Amino acid sequence: MCDLVARTGRHQQRYESGCRLIAGCIPFKYRNFDESCGAKSEQIVEVLMINSPSGPGLLFPKGGWENDETVEEAAVREALEEAGVRGDIMEELLGDDSNDNSIPEMVVEKFVRLDAVLVPNKALRNPLQAYACRNTLLKHFLGYYQFKSKTHQDEFSPEGLCKAAMFALLVKEELESWPEQSTRKRSWLTIPDAVENCRHPWMREALEEGFSKWHEDKLMNTGEEDHPISLPFSSPDRH
């Protein structure tokens, strides 16, 4: 039995200009294309999706961003509650050198460090503007995606408008039990399979235009040569 409990209710939900603010992530891992090969075999990127309790198609973990957490914390929490995975969505922004000239001075002034994570200064009242500024430095941030929910309208978002901040989450641990295990089943998919099975157009956009481009940029910046990594747009031949 899982000791963790999923959050419920909307009393701490964040809203901005009639939109419910959402945090989510695309969990991913690397798998050797040929498991029988040595360490230098080509690696395939796979993403983790979960089923939708309300219909066909697969989803990425996401949920409401609440007042007592940062948007990154919300994304990590949703991955744990819905998909039962833990991992990393951030890299250190300032590093050990607070005088890093590559970081704009105005950003350093507006953010404070809390438990090794930069969070907005309390003087910043607009959460979306604050994180838009911060996300220029956040390497795992994929973008904002707007959509309309058919099932979650309330007095603060009567039309069901939502704005989701999506991140890439490198999975480090898969739990055997998790809060929503009874209604959520996990599936590891290649990018093409994930695109084909994605339930919502906005999540498909986050995968194709957000995650895929982010991953390509990541490989260019890190120079992966010894261990080639493939992010195919057609399913690899497993035979």
Protein backbone atom coordinates (compact mmCIF):
# COMPACT_ATOMS: atom_id res chain seq x y z
CA MET A 1 0.00 0.00 0.00
CA CYS A 2 1.22 3.50 -0.83
CA ASP A 3 1.84 5.85 2.11
CA LEU A 4 1.74 8.90 -0.17
CA VAL A 5 -1.57 10.70 -0.65
CA ALA A 6 -2.57 12.77 -3.67
CA ARG A 7 -3.68 16.33 -3.09
CA THR A 8 -7.36 17.09 -3.62
CA GLY A 9 -9.50 20.22 -3.67
CA ARG A 10 -9.05 23.67 -5.19
CA HIS A 11 -8.68 25.90 -2.12
CA GLN A 12 -5.01 26.64 -2.92
CA GLN A 13 -5.29 26.68 -6.70
CA ARG A 14 -3.52 29.49 -8.58
CA TYR A 15 -5.33 31.53 -11.23
CA GLU A 16 -4.22 34.27 -13.59
CA SER A 17 -6.59 36.41 -15.68
CA GLY A 18 -9.33 33.80 -15.73
CA CYS A 19 -6.94 30.91 -16.40
CA ARG A 20 -6.27 28.03 -14.05
CA LEU A 21 -2.50 27.61 -13.78
CA ILE A 22 -1.25 24.08 -14.43
CA ALA A 23 2.13 22.39 -13.95
CA GLY A 24 3.15 19.21 -15.72
CA CYS A 25 6.06 17.31 -17.16
CA ILE A 26 7.16 14.86 -19.82
CA PRO A 27 9.01 12.10 -17.97
CA PHE A 28 11.75 10.46 -20.06
CA LYS A 29 14.58 7.96 -19.90
CA TYR A 30 17.20 6.43 -22.20
CA ARG A 31 17.06 2.80 -23.32
CA ASN A 32 19.69 0.93 -25.30
CA PHE A 33 18.42 0.29 -28.82
CA ASP A 34 20.00 -3.17 -28.75
CA GLU A 35 20.04 -4.44 -25.17
CA SER A 36 22.61 -7.11 -26.12
CA CYS A 37 25.16 -4.54 -27.27
CA GLY A 38 27.86 -2.98 -25.16
CA ALA A 39 27.92 0.40 -23.46
CA LYS A 40 28.40 2.28 -26.71
CA SER A 41 25.22 1.04 -28.38
CA GLU A 42 22.75 3.61 -29.62
CA GLN A 43 20.26 4.82 -27.04
CA ILE A 44 16.59 5.51 -27.65
CA VAL A 45 14.65 8.20 -25.82
CA GLU A 46 11.39 6.96 -24.33
CA VAL A 47 8.71 9.04 -22.61
CA LEU A 48 6.34 7.93 -19.89
CA MET A 49 2.60 8.35 -20.37
CA ILE A 50 -0.40 7.42 -18.25
CA ASN A 51 -3.92 6.45 -19.18
CA SER A 52 -6.88 8.80 -18.85
CA PRO A 53 -9.60 7.57 -16.47
CA SER A 54 -12.20 9.42 -18.56
CA GLY A 55 -11.53 8.02 -22.02
CA PRO A 56 -9.11 6.69 -24.65
CA GLY A 57 -5.64 8.02 -25.29
CA LEU A 58 -2.63 8.67 -23.08
CA LEU A 59 -1.53 11.68 -21.04
CA PHE A 60 1.51 13.22 -19.42
CA PRO A 61 1.32 13.96 -15.67
CA LYS A 62 -0.13 17.40 -14.93
CA GLY A 63 -2.32 19.17 -12.42
CA GLY A 64 -3.06 22.40 -10.61
CA TRP A 65 -0.23 24.64 -9.45
CA GLU A 66 -0.99 25.59 -5.84
CA ASN A 67 -0.11 28.61 -3.71
CA ASP A 68 2.26 26.85 -1.33
CA GLU A 69 4.67 25.49 -3.96
CA THR A 70 6.81 26.60 -6.87
CA VAL A 71 5.78 25.58 -10.36
CA GLU A 72 8.67 23.09 -10.47
CA GLU A 73 7.57 21.54 -7.19
CA ALA A 74 4.04 21.21 -8.57
CA ALA A 75 5.29 19.43 -11.70
CA VAL A 76 7.40 17.02 -9.63
CA ARG A 77 4.46 16.37 -7.30
CA GLU A 78 2.12 15.56 -10.19
CA ALA A 79 4.65 13.12 -11.65
CA LEU A 80 4.82 11.35 -8.30
CA GLU A 81 1.06 11.32 -7.64
CA GLU A 82 -0.13 10.35 -11.11
CA ALA A 83 2.74 8.32 -12.55
CA GLY A 84 4.72 7.19 -9.53
CA VAL A 85 8.09 8.48 -10.74
CA ARG A 86 10.77 10.68 -9.24
CA GLY A 87 13.43 12.56 -11.15
CA ASP A 88 15.11 15.84 -12.02
CA ILE A 89 13.47 18.75 -13.83
CA MET A 90 16.03 21.43 -13.00
CA GLU A 91 19.71 22.07 -13.32
CA GLU A 92 21.47 24.50 -11.00
CA LEU A 93 20.80 28.01 -12.29
CA LEU A 94 23.49 30.06 -10.61
CA GLY A 95 25.95 27.33 -9.70
CA ASP A 96 28.49 28.07 -7.00
CA ASP A 97 29.54 31.41 -8.47
CA SER A 98 26.94 34.06 -7.70
CA ASN A 99 28.95 36.56 -9.77
CA ASP A 100 28.35 34.65 -13.01
CA ASN A 101 28.36 37.40 -15.65
CA SER A 102 26.28 35.28 -18.02
CA ILE A 103 23.21 35.78 -15.81
CA PRO A 104 21.44 39.16 -16.10
CA GLU A 105 21.78 41.26 -12.95
CA MET A 106 18.04 41.98 -12.86
CA VAL A 107 17.35 38.25 -12.63
CA VAL A 108 19.77 37.76 -9.74
CA GLU A 109 18.13 40.65 -7.88
CA LYS A 110 14.57 39.36 -8.35
CA PHE A 111 15.12 35.79 -7.24
CA VAL A 112 16.26 34.34 -3.95
CA ARG A 113 17.69 30.91 -3.20
CA LEU A 114 15.57 28.53 -1.12
CA ASP A 115 16.89 25.01 -0.47
CA ALA A 116 19.26 25.33 -3.45
CA VAL A 117 16.40 26.36 -5.75
CA LEU A 118 15.75 29.87 -7.00
CA VAL A 119 12.26 31.16 -6.22
CA PRO A 120 10.65 34.52 -7.02
CA ASN A 121 11.13 37.35 -4.59
CA LYS A 122 7.92 38.06 -2.67
CA ALA A 123 7.80 41.48 -4.31
CA LEU A 124 6.84 39.77 -7.58
CA ARG A 125 3.05 39.59 -7.53
CA ASN A 126 2.41 38.13 -10.98
CA PRO A 127 3.39 34.44 -10.96
CA LEU A 128 3.40 34.03 -14.74
CA GLN A 129 5.60 37.08 -15.33
CA ALA A 130 7.95 35.97 -12.56
CA TYR A 131 8.40 32.49 -13.99
CA ALA A 132 8.59 33.75 -17.56
CA CYS A 133 11.66 35.71 -16.46
CA ARG A 134 13.08 32.79 -14.52
CA ASN A 135 12.46 30.28 -17.27
CA THR A 136 14.92 32.05 -19.57
CA LEU A 137 17.51 30.29 -17.40
CA LEU A 138 15.63 27.08 -16.66
CA LYS A 139 17.09 24.42 -18.92
CA HIS A 140 14.34 21.84 -18.48
CA PHE A 141 11.42 24.21 -19.14
CA LEU A 142 9.54 23.32 -22.34
CA GLY A 143 7.06 26.17 -22.58
CA TYR A 144 3.55 27.34 -21.74
CA TYR A 145 0.57 25.64 -23.39
CA GLN A 146 -3.01 26.91 -23.28
CA PHE A 147 -6.08 24.73 -23.48
CA LYS A 148 -9.71 24.61 -22.41
CA SER A 149 -10.89 22.01 -19.92
CA LYS A 150 -14.33 20.54 -20.51
CA THR A 151 -14.60 19.16 -16.98
CA HIS A 152 -12.96 21.79 -14.74
CA GLN A 153 -14.90 25.05 -14.82
CA ASP A 154 -15.30 27.10 -11.64
CA GLU A 155 -16.03 30.65 -10.51
CA PHE A 156 -12.44 31.76 -11.16
CA SER A 157 -12.22 30.10 -14.57
CA PRO A 158 -15.83 29.84 -15.80
CA GLU A 159 -14.79 28.89 -19.33
CA GLY A 160 -12.33 26.24 -18.17
CA LEU A 161 -9.30 28.09 -19.56
CA CYS A 162 -5.96 26.66 -18.44
CA LYS A 163 -2.32 27.59 -18.93
CA ALA A 164 0.18 24.78 -18.39
CA ALA A 165 3.90 25.13 -17.66
CA MET A 166 5.56 21.95 -18.92
CA PHE A 167 8.97 20.55 -18.01
CA ALA A 168 11.18 17.65 -19.05
CA LEU A 169 11.74 15.23 -16.17
CA LEU A 170 14.63 12.76 -16.31
CA VAL A 171 13.27 9.75 -14.42
CA LYS A 172 15.56 8.40 -11.71
CA GLU A 173 13.12 6.15 -9.83
CA GLU A 174 9.92 4.26 -10.63
CA LEU A 175 7.84 3.48 -7.55
CA GLU A 176 6.07 0.16 -7.22
CA SER A 177 3.09 1.89 -5.60
CA TRP A 178 1.89 5.48 -5.88
CA PRO A 179 -1.20 7.54 -4.91
CA GLU A 180 -3.19 7.16 -8.16
CA GLN A 181 -2.04 3.66 -9.00
CA SER A 182 -5.59 2.27 -8.96
CA THR A 183 -6.67 4.53 -11.85
CA ARG A 184 -3.38 5.26 -13.66
CA LYS A 185 -1.34 2.77 -15.65
CA ARG A 186 2.13 3.64 -16.95
CA SER A 187 3.44 3.11 -20.48
CA TRP A 188 6.95 3.79 -21.82
CA LEU A 189 6.76 4.85 -25.47
CA THR A 190 9.05 6.04 -28.23
CA ILE A 191 8.37 9.57 -29.44
CA PRO A 192 6.40 8.45 -32.53
CA ASP A 193 4.24 6.10 -30.48
CA ALA A 194 3.63 8.81 -27.90
CA VAL A 195 2.58 11.29 -30.59
CA GLU A 196 0.17 8.75 -32.04
CA ASN A 197 -1.40 7.90 -28.68
CA CYS A 198 -1.51 11.38 -27.14
CA ARG A 199 -5.05 12.27 -26.05
CA HIS A 200 -4.81 16.07 -26.12
CA PRO A 201 -3.51 18.25 -28.99
CA TRP A 202 -1.75 20.63 -26.59
CA MET A 203 0.20 17.76 -25.04
CA ARG A 204 1.15 16.56 -28.51
CA GLU A 205 2.44 20.06 -29.23
CA ALA A 206 4.43 20.04 -25.99
CA LEU A 207 5.99 16.73 -27.05
CA GLU A 208 6.72 17.55 -30.70
CA GLU A 209 7.60 21.23 -30.50
CA GLY A 210 8.68 21.49 -26.87
CA PHE A 211 10.38 18.29 -25.77
CA SER A 212 11.84 17.23 -29.12
CA LYS A 213 13.43 20.64 -29.76
CA TRP A 214 14.60 20.88 -26.15
CA HIS A 215 16.28 17.48 -26.40
CA GLU A 216 17.99 18.33 -29.69
CA ASP A 217 19.35 21.54 -28.16
CA LYS A 218 20.49 19.60 -25.09
CA LEU A 219 22.47 17.15 -27.23
CA MET A 220 24.07 19.98 -29.20
CA ASN A 221 25.12 21.73 -26.00
CA THR A 222 26.49 18.62 -24.28
CA GLY A 223 28.07 17.03 -27.36
CA GLU A 224 26.93 13.42 -27.00
CA GLU A 225 29.45 11.55 -29.17
CA ASP A 226 30.54 8.47 -27.24
CA HIS A 227 26.97 7.30 -26.66
CA PRO A 228 24.80 8.24 -29.63
CA ILE A 229 21.22 9.07 -28.69
CA SER A 230 18.34 8.73 -31.10
CA LEU A 231 15.08 10.64 -30.87
CA PRO A 232 13.31 9.01 -33.84
CA PHE A 233 10.30 10.37 -35.66
CA SER A 234 9.41 6.86 -36.79
CA SER A 235 9.38 3.79 -34.60
CA PRO A 236 12.76 1.99 -34.60
CA ASP A 237 12.95 -1.56 -35.91
CA ARG A 238 13.24 -3.75 -32.81
CA HIS A 239 14.09 -6.93 -34.78
